[in-house]
């Protein structure tokens, strides 16, 4: 999501604080503090983000006009990862290792606000979402096997599942979220619903974990990917 992208960069510029879900919105508003669940983000963090973003957007517009650069959301995320140049950023490491990050609704947040403000100062920036949907879907289509580990729901869950529809379904799937299916939402949908669409293969054995992703996912990694990595490292050293 856009929030997942921008907060990574904002936390490199200024701290986010631990608060409480029950803090009153009106009181926080008077103090210039924004609440994200139980996290508190001062208005000044977004001012710093704007100061950091505007020169980058200027350069992107210049490169688009001068060099014909076709900007996409994934290319923009890579550029921001390069510009932040901070090892605390996930997207710095994604850029450094040439790992594309797709965010089909990149404008749905503070980054979109910055693009909106900038469009009046220096108009002309174009973000091509068609190129990114081709890139994402093509990765699924041309993969021998695919697996989905989806944390949360909404847009990201549907976009990843839909990419796998293009290849008649993912071979493996793990959903981790707290949503229920009874409201008809895609977020709450169980893997078997995705099977009916051809987004997960009929012979697959998908799993949905009902839980909070920031607790569940580290445990999953520790018992799977991390364990394999540790074993491989130990074998290489011996």
Protein backbone atom coordinates (compact mmCIF):
# COMPACT_ATOMS: atom_id res chain seq x y z
CA UNK A 1 0.00 0.00 0.00
CA UNK A 2 1.00 3.65 -0.29
CA UNK A 3 1.11 3.87 3.51
CA UNK A 4 3.52 0.95 3.68
CA UNK A 5 5.81 2.73 1.22
CA UNK A 6 5.79 6.25 2.63
CA UNK A 7 6.02 5.35 6.31
CA UNK A 8 9.23 3.45 5.56
CA UNK A 9 10.80 6.68 4.32
CA UNK A 10 9.18 8.97 6.90
CA UNK A 11 10.61 6.88 9.75
CA UNK A 12 14.07 7.48 8.30
CA UNK A 13 13.46 11.23 8.57
CA UNK A 14 11.81 11.43 12.02
CA UNK A 15 10.52 9.05 14.71
CA UNK A 16 7.03 7.59 14.99
CA UNK A 17 5.83 7.12 18.57
CA UNK A 18 3.93 4.38 20.35
CA UNK A 19 0.59 5.60 21.68
CA UNK A 20 -2.78 4.01 22.36
CA UNK A 21 -5.85 3.11 20.33
CA UNK A 22 -8.09 4.99 22.76
CA UNK A 23 -6.43 8.42 22.52
CA UNK A 24 -9.01 11.04 21.53
CA UNK A 25 -8.79 12.28 17.98
CA UNK A 26 -9.82 15.84 18.84
CA UNK A 27 -7.07 16.16 21.45
CA UNK A 28 -4.48 14.77 19.06
CA UNK A 29 -5.66 17.11 16.32
CA UNK A 30 -5.13 20.12 18.59
CA UNK A 31 -1.57 18.94 19.26
CA UNK A 32 -0.74 18.32 15.59
CA UNK A 33 -0.46 14.55 16.01
CA UNK A 34 -1.89 11.93 13.65
CA UNK A 35 -2.86 8.45 14.90
CA UNK A 36 -2.29 5.27 12.91
CA UNK A 37 -3.80 2.58 15.13
CA UNK A 38 -1.71 2.91 18.27
CA UNK A 39 1.12 4.77 16.51
CA UNK A 40 1.49 8.55 16.66
CA UNK A 41 2.97 10.62 13.85
CA UNK A 42 3.55 14.38 14.40
CA UNK A 43 2.57 16.74 11.60
CA UNK A 44 6.20 17.82 11.36
CA UNK A 45 7.13 14.37 10.06
CA UNK A 46 5.05 15.03 6.96
CA UNK A 47 6.59 18.50 6.59
CA UNK A 48 10.03 16.86 6.57
CA UNK A 49 8.74 14.31 4.07
CA UNK A 50 7.52 17.08 1.78
CA UNK A 51 10.87 18.88 2.00
CA UNK A 52 12.59 15.62 1.03
CA UNK A 53 10.15 14.66 -1.73
CA UNK A 54 9.84 17.91 -3.70
CA UNK A 55 13.39 18.05 -5.08
CA UNK A 56 13.13 14.37 -6.06
CA UNK A 57 9.88 15.02 -7.93
CA UNK A 58 11.57 17.97 -9.68
CA UNK A 59 14.34 15.65 -10.87
CA UNK A 60 11.84 13.03 -12.00
CA UNK A 61 9.97 15.57 -14.11
CA UNK A 62 13.25 16.83 -15.57
CA UNK A 63 14.40 13.30 -16.48
CA UNK A 64 11.01 12.52 -17.98
CA UNK A 65 11.15 15.58 -20.24
CA UNK A 66 14.87 15.46 -21.01
CA UNK A 67 15.52 11.72 -21.28
CA UNK A 68 12.07 10.31 -21.95
CA UNK A 69 12.02 8.30 -18.72
CA UNK A 70 8.75 6.39 -18.37
CA UNK A 71 8.02 6.51 -14.66
CA UNK A 72 5.94 3.79 -13.07
CA UNK A 73 5.03 3.36 -9.39
CA UNK A 74 7.68 0.62 -9.04
CA UNK A 75 10.34 2.80 -10.68
CA UNK A 76 9.41 5.67 -8.41
CA UNK A 77 9.69 3.47 -5.31
CA UNK A 78 13.13 2.33 -6.48
CA UNK A 79 14.17 5.94 -7.00
CA UNK A 80 12.99 6.90 -3.52
CA UNK A 81 14.88 3.94 -2.08
CA UNK A 82 18.01 5.16 -3.82
CA UNK A 83 17.49 8.74 -2.66
CA UNK A 84 16.85 7.87 0.99
CA UNK A 85 20.24 6.09 1.10
CA UNK A 86 19.51 4.74 4.56
CA UNK A 87 19.99 1.08 5.61
CA UNK A 88 16.99 1.43 7.96
CA UNK A 89 14.75 1.59 4.88
CA UNK A 90 13.31 -1.62 3.44
CA UNK A 91 13.08 0.06 0.06
CA UNK A 92 16.70 1.16 0.15
CA UNK A 93 17.62 -2.53 0.25
CA UNK A 94 15.05 -3.36 -2.44
CA UNK A 95 16.66 -0.74 -4.72
CA UNK A 96 20.19 -1.89 -3.84
CA UNK A 97 19.33 -5.49 -4.71
CA UNK A 98 17.24 -4.63 -7.78
CA UNK A 99 14.05 -6.05 -6.27
CA UNK A 100 10.95 -4.37 -7.75
CA UNK A 101 8.24 -3.22 -5.35
CA UNK A 102 4.75 -2.82 -6.82
CA UNK A 103 2.22 -0.44 -5.32
CA UNK A 104 -0.78 -0.04 -7.65
CA UNK A 105 -2.36 2.67 -5.45
CA UNK A 106 0.81 4.63 -4.73
CA UNK A 107 -1.11 7.91 -4.77
CA UNK A 108 -3.43 6.77 -1.94
CA UNK A 109 -1.56 8.50 0.89
CA UNK A 110 1.00 11.18 1.64
CA UNK A 111 2.96 10.38 -1.52
CA UNK A 112 -0.20 11.19 -3.48
CA UNK A 113 -0.51 14.43 -1.51
CA UNK A 114 3.05 15.36 -2.47
CA UNK A 115 2.44 14.57 -6.12
CA UNK A 116 -0.73 16.68 -5.98
CA UNK A 117 1.04 19.68 -4.39
CA UNK A 118 3.96 19.34 -6.78
CA UNK A 119 1.67 19.25 -9.83
CA UNK A 120 0.86 22.93 -9.24
CA UNK A 121 4.49 23.98 -8.79
CA UNK A 122 6.01 21.89 -11.58
CA UNK A 123 3.33 20.04 -13.56
CA UNK A 124 3.90 17.19 -15.98
CA UNK A 125 4.87 14.09 -13.98
CA UNK A 126 3.27 10.93 -15.36
CA UNK A 127 3.13 7.57 -13.55
CA UNK A 128 2.28 4.68 -15.88
CA UNK A 129 0.26 2.02 -14.02
CA UNK A 130 -0.21 -0.01 -17.22
CA UNK A 131 3.51 -0.77 -17.44
CA UNK A 132 3.48 -1.98 -13.84
CA UNK A 133 0.49 -4.27 -14.25
CA UNK A 134 2.21 -5.82 -17.27
CA UNK A 135 5.40 -6.27 -15.26
CA UNK A 136 3.65 -7.82 -12.25
CA UNK A 137 1.38 -10.14 -14.23
CA UNK A 138 4.22 -11.17 -16.53
CA UNK A 139 6.31 -12.22 -13.54
CA UNK A 140 3.52 -14.57 -12.54
CA UNK A 141 2.89 -15.86 -16.06
CA UNK A 142 6.53 -16.66 -16.76
CA UNK A 143 7.29 -18.28 -13.40
CA UNK A 144 7.63 -22.06 -13.22
CA UNK A 145 5.96 -22.02 -9.79
CA UNK A 146 4.53 -19.23 -7.67
CA UNK A 147 3.80 -18.86 -3.99
CA UNK A 148 1.90 -16.11 -2.23
CA UNK A 149 2.56 -14.96 1.32
CA UNK A 150 0.03 -12.18 1.81
CA UNK A 151 0.06 -10.08 4.97
CA UNK A 152 -3.17 -8.13 5.40
CA UNK A 153 -5.88 -7.70 2.81
CA UNK A 154 -7.54 -5.22 0.50
CA UNK A 155 -5.80 -3.99 -2.62
CA UNK A 156 -2.51 -5.83 -2.12
CA UNK A 157 -4.20 -9.18 -1.54
CA UNK A 158 -6.42 -8.90 -4.59
CA UNK A 159 -3.64 -7.60 -6.85
CA UNK A 160 -1.28 -10.46 -6.01
CA UNK A 161 -4.00 -13.09 -6.33
CA UNK A 162 -5.17 -11.61 -9.62
CA UNK A 163 -1.64 -11.76 -11.06
CA UNK A 164 -1.70 -15.50 -10.34
CA UNK A 165 -5.02 -15.87 -12.11
CA UNK A 166 -3.09 -15.08 -15.30
CA UNK A 167 -1.21 -18.38 -14.88
CA UNK A 168 -4.23 -20.43 -13.74
CA UNK A 169 -3.38 -20.16 -10.08
CA UNK A 170 -0.56 -20.04 -7.55
CA UNK A 171 1.03 -23.30 -6.43
CA UNK A 172 1.31 -22.20 -2.79
CA UNK A 173 -0.53 -19.62 -0.69
CA UNK A 174 -0.50 -18.37 2.89
CA UNK A 175 -2.84 -15.57 3.98
CA UNK A 176 -2.28 -13.79 7.28
CA UNK A 177 -4.95 -11.31 8.39
CA UNK A 178 -7.68 -10.71 10.94
CA UNK A 179 -10.55 -10.20 8.47
CA UNK A 180 -13.67 -12.38 8.34
CA UNK A 181 -15.45 -13.50 5.19
CA UNK A 182 -18.98 -12.80 6.39
CA UNK A 183 -19.11 -9.22 5.07
CA UNK A 184 -18.24 -10.41 1.57
CA UNK A 185 -14.92 -8.54 1.52
CA UNK A 186 -11.91 -9.70 -0.47
CA UNK A 187 -9.80 -9.11 2.64
CA UNK A 188 -11.79 -11.68 4.58
CA UNK A 189 -12.11 -14.19 1.78
CA UNK A 190 -10.67 -17.63 2.54
CA UNK A 191 -8.22 -19.24 0.08
CA UNK A 192 -10.96 -21.55 -1.22
CA UNK A 193 -12.70 -18.52 -2.73
CA UNK A 194 -9.51 -17.78 -4.68
CA UNK A 195 -9.50 -21.39 -5.89
CA UNK A 196 -12.94 -20.81 -7.44
CA UNK A 197 -11.47 -17.94 -9.49
CA UNK A 198 -8.40 -19.86 -10.59
CA UNK A 199 -6.13 -17.66 -8.47
CA UNK A 200 -4.90 -20.68 -6.49
CA UNK A 201 -4.52 -24.09 -8.12
CA UNK A 202 -7.12 -26.73 -7.30
CA UNK A 203 -4.47 -29.19 -6.10
CA UNK A 204 -2.77 -26.64 -3.82
CA UNK A 205 -3.05 -26.80 -0.03
CA UNK A 206 -3.37 -23.11 0.94
CA UNK A 207 -3.58 -21.85 4.51
CA UNK A 208 -5.17 -18.83 6.11
CA UNK A 209 -3.83 -17.76 9.50
CA UNK A 210 -6.24 -15.61 11.49
CA UNK A 211 -3.90 -13.31 13.37
CA UNK A 212 -2.02 -10.04 13.55
CA UNK A 213 0.66 -10.07 10.87
CA UNK A 214 3.42 -8.27 12.78
CA UNK A 215 3.27 -11.06 15.41
CA UNK A 216 2.60 -14.02 13.12
CA UNK A 217 4.97 -13.30 10.24
CA UNK A 218 8.23 -13.21 12.25
CA UNK A 219 7.29 -16.59 13.72
CA UNK A 220 6.61 -17.99 10.24
CA UNK A 221 9.93 -16.67 8.93
CA UNK A 222 11.83 -18.04 11.94
CA UNK A 223 10.43 -21.52 11.33
CA UNK A 224 10.82 -21.52 7.53
CA UNK A 225 13.04 -19.18 5.50
CA UNK A 226 15.34 -18.24 8.37
CA UNK A 227 15.82 -21.88 9.41
CA UNK A 228 16.78 -22.85 5.85
CA UNK A 229 19.18 -19.91 5.63
CA UNK A 230 20.83 -20.80 8.94
CA UNK A 231 21.21 -24.44 7.84
CA UNK A 232 22.74 -23.39 4.53
CA UNK A 233 25.15 -21.00 6.27
CA UNK A 234 26.17 -23.67 8.78
CA UNK A 235 26.74 -26.19 5.97
CA UNK A 236 28.87 -23.76 3.99
CA UNK A 237 31.04 -22.91 7.01
CA UNK A 238 31.63 -26.58 7.85
